[in-house]
């Protein structure tokens, strides 16, 4: 069972780096479970 993938939108004023960090964190979490 895997958690559903969800969109990781950026809040106004944040840089693209934050988005990549959030994606990397979500991927690491998913990878540790599967």
ModelCIF file with pLDDT and N, C-alpha, C, O atoms, coordinates in Angstrom:
data_MODEL
#
_entry.id   MODEL 
#
_entity.id                         1 
_entity.type                       polymer 
_entity.pdbx_number_of_molecules   1 
#
_entity_poly.entity_id                      1 
_entity_poly.type                           'polypeptide(L)' 
_entity_poly.nstd_linkage                   no 
_entity_poly.nstd_monomer                   no 
_entity_poly.pdbx_seq_one_letter_code       
;(UNK)(UNK)(UNK)(UNK)(UNK)(UNK)(UNK)(UNK)(UNK)(UNK)(UNK)(UNK)(UNK)(UNK)(UNK)(UNK)
(UNK)(UNK)(UNK)(UNK)(UNK)(UNK)(UNK)(UNK)(UNK)(UNK)(UNK)(UNK)(UNK)(UNK)(UNK)(UNK)
(UNK)(UNK)
;
_entity_poly.pdbx_seq_one_letter_code_can   XXXXXXXXXXXXXXXXXXXXXXXXXXXXXXXXXX 
_entity_poly.pdbx_strand_id                 A 
#
loop_
_entity_poly_seq.entity_id 
_entity_poly_seq.num 
_entity_poly_seq.mon_id 
_entity_poly_seq.hetero 
1 1  UNK n 
1 2  UNK n 
1 3  UNK n 
1 4  UNK n 
1 5  UNK n 
1 6  UNK n 
1 7  UNK n 
1 8  UNK n 
1 9  UNK n 
1 10 UNK n 
1 11 UNK n 
1 12 UNK n 
1 13 UNK n 
1 14 UNK n 
1 15 UNK n 
1 16 UNK n 
1 17 UNK n 
1 18 UNK n 
1 19 UNK n 
1 20 UNK n 
1 21 UNK n 
1 22 UNK n 
1 23 UNK n 
1 24 UNK n 
1 25 UNK n 
1 26 UNK n 
1 27 UNK n 
1 28 UNK n 
1 29 UNK n 
1 30 UNK n 
1 31 UNK n 
1 32 UNK n 
1 33 UNK n 
1 34 UNK n 
#
_struct_asym.id          A 
_struct_asym.entity_id   1 
#
loop_
_ma_qa_metric.id 
_ma_qa_metric.mode 
_ma_qa_metric.name 
_ma_qa_metric.software_group_id 
_ma_qa_metric.type 
1 global pLDDT . pLDDT 
2 local  pLDDT . pLDDT 
#
_ma_qa_metric_global.metric_id      1 
_ma_qa_metric_global.metric_value   65.47 
_ma_qa_metric_global.model_id       1 
_ma_qa_metric_global.ordinal_id     1 
#
loop_
_ma_qa_metric_local.label_asym_id 
_ma_qa_metric_local.label_comp_id 
_ma_qa_metric_local.label_seq_id 
_ma_qa_metric_local.metric_id 
_ma_qa_metric_local.metric_value 
_ma_qa_metric_local.model_id 
_ma_qa_metric_local.ordinal_id 
A UNK 1  2 54.00 1 1  
A UNK 2  2 50.00 1 2  
A UNK 3  2 48.00 1 3  
A UNK 4  2 50.00 1 4  
A UNK 5  2 49.00 1 5  
A UNK 6  2 53.00 1 6  
A UNK 7  2 57.00 1 7  
A UNK 8  2 59.00 1 8  
A UNK 9  2 65.00 1 9  
A UNK 10 2 63.00 1 10 
A UNK 11 2 69.00 1 11 
A UNK 12 2 70.00 1 12 
A UNK 13 2 70.00 1 13 
A UNK 14 2 69.00 1 14 
A UNK 15 2 69.00 1 15 
A UNK 16 2 69.00 1 16 
A UNK 17 2 75.00 1 17 
A UNK 18 2 74.00 1 18 
A UNK 19 2 69.00 1 19 
A UNK 20 2 76.00 1 20 
A UNK 21 2 79.00 1 21 
A UNK 22 2 73.00 1 22 
A UNK 23 2 72.00 1 23 
A UNK 24 2 76.00 1 24 
A UNK 25 2 77.00 1 25 
A UNK 26 2 71.00 1 26 
A UNK 27 2 69.00 1 27 
A UNK 28 2 73.00 1 28 
A UNK 29 2 69.00 1 29 
A UNK 30 2 62.00 1 30 
A UNK 31 2 62.00 1 31 
A UNK 32 2 64.00 1 32 
A UNK 33 2 61.00 1 33 
A UNK 34 2 60.00 1 34 
#
loop_
_atom_site.group_PDB 
_atom_site.id 
_atom_site.type_symbol 
_atom_site.label_atom_id 
_atom_site.label_alt_id 
_atom_site.label_comp_id 
_atom_site.label_asym_id 
_atom_site.label_entity_id 
_atom_site.label_seq_id 
_atom_site.pdbx_PDB_ins_code 
_atom_site.Cartn_x 
_atom_site.Cartn_y 
_atom_site.Cartn_z 
_atom_site.occupancy 
_atom_site.B_iso_or_equiv 
_atom_site.pdbx_formal_charge 
_atom_site.auth_seq_id 
_atom_site.auth_comp_id 
_atom_site.auth_asym_id 
_atom_site.auth_atom_id 
_atom_site.pdbx_PDB_model_num 
ATOM 1   N N  . UNK A 1 1  ? 0.866  -1.172 0.000  1.00 54.00 ? 1  UNK A N  1 
ATOM 2   C CA . UNK A 1 1  ? 0.000  0.000  0.000  1.00 54.00 ? 1  UNK A CA 1 
ATOM 3   C C  . UNK A 1 1  ? 0.905  1.224  0.000  1.00 54.00 ? 1  UNK A C  1 
ATOM 4   O O  . UNK A 1 1  ? 1.823  1.327  0.814  1.00 54.00 ? 1  UNK A O  1 
ATOM 5   N N  . UNK A 1 2  ? 0.651  2.122  -0.887 1.00 50.00 ? 2  UNK A N  1 
ATOM 6   C CA . UNK A 1 2  ? 1.467  3.323  -0.994 1.00 50.00 ? 2  UNK A CA 1 
ATOM 7   C C  . UNK A 1 2  ? 0.576  4.541  -0.825 1.00 50.00 ? 2  UNK A C  1 
ATOM 8   O O  . UNK A 1 2  ? -0.569 4.552  -1.275 1.00 50.00 ? 2  UNK A O  1 
ATOM 9   N N  . UNK A 1 3  ? 1.101  5.550  -0.183 1.00 48.00 ? 3  UNK A N  1 
ATOM 10  C CA . UNK A 1 3  ? 0.313  6.772  -0.071 1.00 48.00 ? 3  UNK A CA 1 
ATOM 11  C C  . UNK A 1 3  ? 0.145  7.387  -1.458 1.00 48.00 ? 3  UNK A C  1 
ATOM 12  O O  . UNK A 1 3  ? 1.037  7.265  -2.298 1.00 48.00 ? 3  UNK A O  1 
ATOM 13  N N  . UNK A 1 4  ? -0.973 8.038  -1.706 1.00 50.00 ? 4  UNK A N  1 
ATOM 14  C CA . UNK A 1 4  ? -1.159 8.652  -3.017 1.00 50.00 ? 4  UNK A CA 1 
ATOM 15  C C  . UNK A 1 4  ? -0.162 9.787  -3.227 1.00 50.00 ? 4  UNK A C  1 
ATOM 16  O O  . UNK A 1 4  ? 0.217  10.486 -2.287 1.00 50.00 ? 4  UNK A O  1 
ATOM 17  N N  . UNK A 1 5  ? 0.248  9.950  -4.466 1.00 49.00 ? 5  UNK A N  1 
ATOM 18  C CA . UNK A 1 5  ? 1.115  11.081 -4.783 1.00 49.00 ? 5  UNK A CA 1 
ATOM 19  C C  . UNK A 1 5  ? 0.263  12.335 -4.812 1.00 49.00 ? 5  UNK A C  1 
ATOM 20  O O  . UNK A 1 5  ? -0.857 12.328 -5.323 1.00 49.00 ? 5  UNK A O  1 
ATOM 21  N N  . UNK A 1 6  ? 0.791  13.386 -4.273 1.00 53.00 ? 6  UNK A N  1 
ATOM 22  C CA . UNK A 1 6  ? 0.043  14.639 -4.228 1.00 53.00 ? 6  UNK A CA 1 
ATOM 23  C C  . UNK A 1 6  ? 0.871  15.748 -4.850 1.00 53.00 ? 6  UNK A C  1 
ATOM 24  O O  . UNK A 1 6  ? 2.100  15.677 -4.890 1.00 53.00 ? 6  UNK A O  1 
ATOM 25  N N  . UNK A 1 7  ? 0.189  16.763 -5.329 1.00 57.00 ? 7  UNK A N  1 
ATOM 26  C CA . UNK A 1 7  ? 0.874  17.924 -5.881 1.00 57.00 ? 7  UNK A CA 1 
ATOM 27  C C  . UNK A 1 7  ? 1.570  18.680 -4.754 1.00 57.00 ? 7  UNK A C  1 
ATOM 28  O O  . UNK A 1 7  ? 1.065  18.753 -3.633 1.00 57.00 ? 7  UNK A O  1 
ATOM 29  N N  . UNK A 1 8  ? 2.711  19.230 -5.059 1.00 59.00 ? 8  UNK A N  1 
ATOM 30  C CA . UNK A 1 8  ? 3.463  20.007 -4.082 1.00 59.00 ? 8  UNK A CA 1 
ATOM 31  C C  . UNK A 1 8  ? 3.616  21.441 -4.600 1.00 59.00 ? 8  UNK A C  1 
ATOM 32  O O  . UNK A 1 8  ? 4.701  21.832 -5.030 1.00 59.00 ? 8  UNK A O  1 
ATOM 33  N N  . UNK A 1 9  ? 2.534  22.222 -4.560 1.00 65.00 ? 9  UNK A N  1 
ATOM 34  C CA . UNK A 1 9  ? 2.605  23.573 -5.119 1.00 65.00 ? 9  UNK A CA 1 
ATOM 35  C C  . UNK A 1 9  ? 3.461  24.494 -4.256 1.00 65.00 ? 9  UNK A C  1 
ATOM 36  O O  . UNK A 1 9  ? 3.607  24.287 -3.052 1.00 65.00 ? 9  UNK A O  1 
ATOM 37  N N  . UNK A 1 10 ? 4.016  25.502 -4.894 1.00 63.00 ? 10 UNK A N  1 
ATOM 38  C CA . UNK A 1 10 ? 4.787  26.527 -4.188 1.00 63.00 ? 10 UNK A CA 1 
ATOM 39  C C  . UNK A 1 10 ? 3.863  27.631 -3.709 1.00 63.00 ? 10 UNK A C  1 
ATOM 40  O O  . UNK A 1 10 ? 2.911  28.003 -4.394 1.00 63.00 ? 10 UNK A O  1 
ATOM 41  N N  . UNK A 1 11 ? 4.150  28.140 -2.549 1.00 69.00 ? 11 UNK A N  1 
ATOM 42  C CA . UNK A 1 11 ? 3.430  29.313 -2.071 1.00 69.00 ? 11 UNK A CA 1 
ATOM 43  C C  . UNK A 1 11 ? 4.042  30.555 -2.716 1.00 69.00 ? 11 UNK A C  1 
ATOM 44  O O  . UNK A 1 11 ? 5.215  30.549 -3.090 1.00 69.00 ? 11 UNK A O  1 
ATOM 45  N N  . UNK A 1 12 ? 3.275  31.582 -2.841 1.00 70.00 ? 12 UNK A N  1 
ATOM 46  C CA . UNK A 1 12 ? 3.758  32.836 -3.431 1.00 70.00 ? 12 UNK A CA 1 
ATOM 47  C C  . UNK A 1 12 ? 4.997  33.319 -2.688 1.00 70.00 ? 12 UNK A C  1 
ATOM 48  O O  . UNK A 1 12 ? 5.040  33.317 -1.458 1.00 70.00 ? 12 UNK A O  1 
ATOM 49  N N  . UNK A 1 13 ? 5.989  33.728 -3.441 1.00 70.00 ? 13 UNK A N  1 
ATOM 50  C CA . UNK A 1 13 ? 7.197  34.281 -2.848 1.00 70.00 ? 13 UNK A CA 1 
ATOM 51  C C  . UNK A 1 13 ? 8.306  33.283 -2.579 1.00 70.00 ? 13 UNK A C  1 
ATOM 52  O O  . UNK A 1 13 ? 9.413  33.683 -2.218 1.00 70.00 ? 13 UNK A O  1 
ATOM 53  N N  . UNK A 1 14 ? 8.037  31.986 -2.746 1.00 69.00 ? 14 UNK A N  1 
ATOM 54  C CA . UNK A 1 14 ? 9.080  30.987 -2.493 1.00 69.00 ? 14 UNK A CA 1 
ATOM 55  C C  . UNK A 1 14 ? 9.820  30.667 -3.780 1.00 69.00 ? 14 UNK A C  1 
ATOM 56  O O  . UNK A 1 14 ? 9.279  30.795 -4.878 1.00 69.00 ? 14 UNK A O  1 
ATOM 57  N N  . UNK A 1 15 ? 11.043 30.255 -3.625 1.00 69.00 ? 15 UNK A N  1 
ATOM 58  C CA . UNK A 1 15 ? 11.873 29.925 -4.780 1.00 69.00 ? 15 UNK A CA 1 
ATOM 59  C C  . UNK A 1 15 ? 11.639 28.484 -5.228 1.00 69.00 ? 15 UNK A C  1 
ATOM 60  O O  . UNK A 1 15 ? 11.044 27.688 -4.502 1.00 69.00 ? 15 UNK A O  1 
ATOM 61  N N  . UNK A 1 16 ? 12.105 28.162 -6.416 1.00 69.00 ? 16 UNK A N  1 
ATOM 62  C CA . UNK A 1 16 ? 12.012 26.800 -6.936 1.00 69.00 ? 16 UNK A CA 1 
ATOM 63  C C  . UNK A 1 16 ? 12.773 25.808 -6.086 1.00 69.00 ? 16 UNK A C  1 
ATOM 64  O O  . UNK A 1 16 ? 12.438 24.624 -6.078 1.00 69.00 ? 16 UNK A O  1 
ATOM 65  N N  . UNK A 1 17 ? 13.796 26.263 -5.365 1.00 75.00 ? 17 UNK A N  1 
ATOM 66  C CA . UNK A 1 17 ? 14.593 25.363 -4.541 1.00 75.00 ? 17 UNK A CA 1 
ATOM 67  C C  . UNK A 1 17 ? 13.737 24.716 -3.462 1.00 75.00 ? 17 UNK A C  1 
ATOM 68  O O  . UNK A 1 17 ? 13.908 23.534 -3.165 1.00 75.00 ? 17 UNK A O  1 
ATOM 69  N N  . UNK A 1 18 ? 12.831 25.464 -2.879 1.00 74.00 ? 18 UNK A N  1 
ATOM 70  C CA . UNK A 1 18 ? 11.936 24.902 -1.875 1.00 74.00 ? 18 UNK A CA 1 
ATOM 71  C C  . UNK A 1 18 ? 11.099 23.776 -2.470 1.00 74.00 ? 18 UNK A C  1 
ATOM 72  O O  . UNK A 1 18 ? 10.889 22.747 -1.828 1.00 74.00 ? 18 UNK A O  1 
ATOM 73  N N  . UNK A 1 19 ? 10.625 23.969 -3.690 1.00 69.00 ? 19 UNK A N  1 
ATOM 74  C CA . UNK A 1 19 ? 9.822  22.946 -4.364 1.00 69.00 ? 19 UNK A CA 1 
ATOM 75  C C  . UNK A 1 19 ? 10.644 21.670 -4.534 1.00 69.00 ? 19 UNK A C  1 
ATOM 76  O O  . UNK A 1 19 ? 10.157 20.573 -4.262 1.00 69.00 ? 19 UNK A O  1 
ATOM 77  N N  . UNK A 1 20 ? 11.894 21.817 -4.986 1.00 76.00 ? 20 UNK A N  1 
ATOM 78  C CA . UNK A 1 20 ? 12.744 20.638 -5.170 1.00 76.00 ? 20 UNK A CA 1 
ATOM 79  C C  . UNK A 1 20 ? 13.013 19.946 -3.839 1.00 76.00 ? 20 UNK A C  1 
ATOM 80  O O  . UNK A 1 20 ? 13.036 18.717 -3.772 1.00 76.00 ? 20 UNK A O  1 
ATOM 81  N N  . UNK A 1 21 ? 13.216 20.719 -2.789 1.00 79.00 ? 21 UNK A N  1 
ATOM 82  C CA . UNK A 1 21 ? 13.439 20.128 -1.474 1.00 79.00 ? 21 UNK A CA 1 
ATOM 83  C C  . UNK A 1 21 ? 12.209 19.355 -1.006 1.00 79.00 ? 21 UNK A C  1 
ATOM 84  O O  . UNK A 1 21 ? 12.335 18.265 -0.448 1.00 79.00 ? 21 UNK A O  1 
ATOM 85  N N  . UNK A 1 22 ? 11.025 19.914 -1.231 1.00 73.00 ? 22 UNK A N  1 
ATOM 86  C CA . UNK A 1 22 ? 9.788  19.227 -0.842 1.00 73.00 ? 22 UNK A CA 1 
ATOM 87  C C  . UNK A 1 22 ? 9.602  17.950 -1.665 1.00 73.00 ? 22 UNK A C  1 
ATOM 88  O O  . UNK A 1 22 ? 9.185  16.922 -1.131 1.00 73.00 ? 22 UNK A O  1 
ATOM 89  N N  . UNK A 1 23 ? 9.908  18.014 -2.954 1.00 72.00 ? 23 UNK A N  1 
ATOM 90  C CA . UNK A 1 23 ? 9.791  16.818 -3.800 1.00 72.00 ? 23 UNK A CA 1 
ATOM 91  C C  . UNK A 1 23 ? 10.777 15.748 -3.362 1.00 72.00 ? 23 UNK A C  1 
ATOM 92  O O  . UNK A 1 23 ? 10.425 14.571 -3.289 1.00 72.00 ? 23 UNK A O  1 
ATOM 93  N N  . UNK A 1 24 ? 12.009 16.148 -3.068 1.00 76.00 ? 24 UNK A N  1 
ATOM 94  C CA . UNK A 1 24 ? 13.021 15.188 -2.621 1.00 76.00 ? 24 UNK A CA 1 
ATOM 95  C C  . UNK A 1 24 ? 12.589 14.535 -1.319 1.00 76.00 ? 24 UNK A C  1 
ATOM 96  O O  . UNK A 1 24 ? 12.766 13.329 -1.143 1.00 76.00 ? 24 UNK A O  1 
ATOM 97  N N  . UNK A 1 25 ? 12.031 15.304 -0.417 1.00 77.00 ? 25 UNK A N  1 
ATOM 98  C CA . UNK A 1 25 ? 11.568 14.761 0.852  1.00 77.00 ? 25 UNK A CA 1 
ATOM 99  C C  . UNK A 1 25 ? 10.416 13.778 0.644  1.00 77.00 ? 25 UNK A C  1 
ATOM 100 O O  . UNK A 1 25 ? 10.387 12.711 1.258  1.00 77.00 ? 25 UNK A O  1 
ATOM 101 N N  . UNK A 1 26 ? 9.463  14.143 -0.227 1.00 71.00 ? 26 UNK A N  1 
ATOM 102 C CA . UNK A 1 26 ? 8.331  13.254 -0.505 1.00 71.00 ? 26 UNK A CA 1 
ATOM 103 C C  . UNK A 1 26 ? 8.812  11.966 -1.161 1.00 71.00 ? 26 UNK A C  1 
ATOM 104 O O  . UNK A 1 26 ? 8.330  10.884 -0.827 1.00 71.00 ? 26 UNK A O  1 
ATOM 105 N N  . UNK A 1 27 ? 9.758  12.072 -2.090 1.00 69.00 ? 27 UNK A N  1 
ATOM 106 C CA . UNK A 1 27 ? 10.286 10.887 -2.764 1.00 69.00 ? 27 UNK A CA 1 
ATOM 107 C C  . UNK A 1 27 ? 11.032 9.989  -1.786 1.00 69.00 ? 27 UNK A C  1 
ATOM 108 O O  . UNK A 1 27 ? 10.897 8.766  -1.832 1.00 69.00 ? 27 UNK A O  1 
ATOM 109 N N  . UNK A 1 28 ? 11.814 10.594 -0.906 1.00 73.00 ? 28 UNK A N  1 
ATOM 110 C CA . UNK A 1 28 ? 12.544 9.810  0.088  1.00 73.00 ? 28 UNK A CA 1 
ATOM 111 C C  . UNK A 1 28 ? 11.573 9.059  1.000  1.00 73.00 ? 28 UNK A C  1 
ATOM 112 O O  . UNK A 1 28 ? 11.810 7.900  1.342  1.00 73.00 ? 28 UNK A O  1 
ATOM 113 N N  . UNK A 1 29 ? 10.494 9.712  1.388  1.00 69.00 ? 29 UNK A N  1 
ATOM 114 C CA . UNK A 1 29 ? 9.487  9.067  2.224  1.00 69.00 ? 29 UNK A CA 1 
ATOM 115 C C  . UNK A 1 29 ? 8.849  7.888  1.487  1.00 69.00 ? 29 UNK A C  1 
ATOM 116 O O  . UNK A 1 29 ? 8.698  6.803  2.049  1.00 69.00 ? 29 UNK A O  1 
ATOM 117 N N  . UNK A 1 30 ? 8.479  8.112  0.231  1.00 62.00 ? 30 UNK A N  1 
ATOM 118 C CA . UNK A 1 30 ? 7.879  7.051  -0.571 1.00 62.00 ? 30 UNK A CA 1 
ATOM 119 C C  . UNK A 1 30 ? 8.874  5.912  -0.784 1.00 62.00 ? 30 UNK A C  1 
ATOM 120 O O  . UNK A 1 30 ? 8.514  4.740  -0.673 1.00 62.00 ? 30 UNK A O  1 
ATOM 121 N N  . UNK A 1 31 ? 10.118 6.255  -1.087 1.00 62.00 ? 31 UNK A N  1 
ATOM 122 C CA . UNK A 1 31 ? 11.136 5.237  -1.340 1.00 62.00 ? 31 UNK A CA 1 
ATOM 123 C C  . UNK A 1 31 ? 11.391 4.390  -0.103 1.00 62.00 ? 31 UNK A C  1 
ATOM 124 O O  . UNK A 1 31 ? 11.650 3.193  -0.220 1.00 62.00 ? 31 UNK A O  1 
ATOM 125 N N  . UNK A 1 32 ? 11.322 4.986  1.072  1.00 64.00 ? 32 UNK A N  1 
ATOM 126 C CA . UNK A 1 32 ? 11.587 4.219  2.286  1.00 64.00 ? 32 UNK A CA 1 
ATOM 127 C C  . UNK A 1 32 ? 10.473 3.215  2.572  1.00 64.00 ? 32 UNK A C  1 
ATOM 128 O O  . UNK A 1 32 ? 10.687 2.234  3.285  1.00 64.00 ? 32 UNK A O  1 
ATOM 129 N N  . UNK A 1 33 ? 9.290  3.457  2.021  1.00 61.00 ? 33 UNK A N  1 
ATOM 130 C CA . UNK A 1 33 ? 8.166  2.560  2.244  1.00 61.00 ? 33 UNK A CA 1 
ATOM 131 C C  . UNK A 1 33 ? 8.025  1.495  1.162  1.00 61.00 ? 33 UNK A C  1 
ATOM 132 O O  . UNK A 1 33 ? 7.417  0.451  1.398  1.00 61.00 ? 33 UNK A O  1 
ATOM 133 N N  . UNK A 1 34 ? 8.571  1.744  -0.002 1.00 60.00 ? 34 UNK A N  1 
ATOM 134 C CA . UNK A 1 34 ? 8.373  0.825  -1.112 1.00 60.00 ? 34 UNK A CA 1 
ATOM 135 C C  . UNK A 1 34 ? 9.723  0.364  -1.641 1.00 60.00 ? 34 UNK A C  1 
ATOM 136 O O  . UNK A 1 34 ? 9.780  -0.422 -2.586 1.00 60.00 ? 34 UNK A O  1 
#
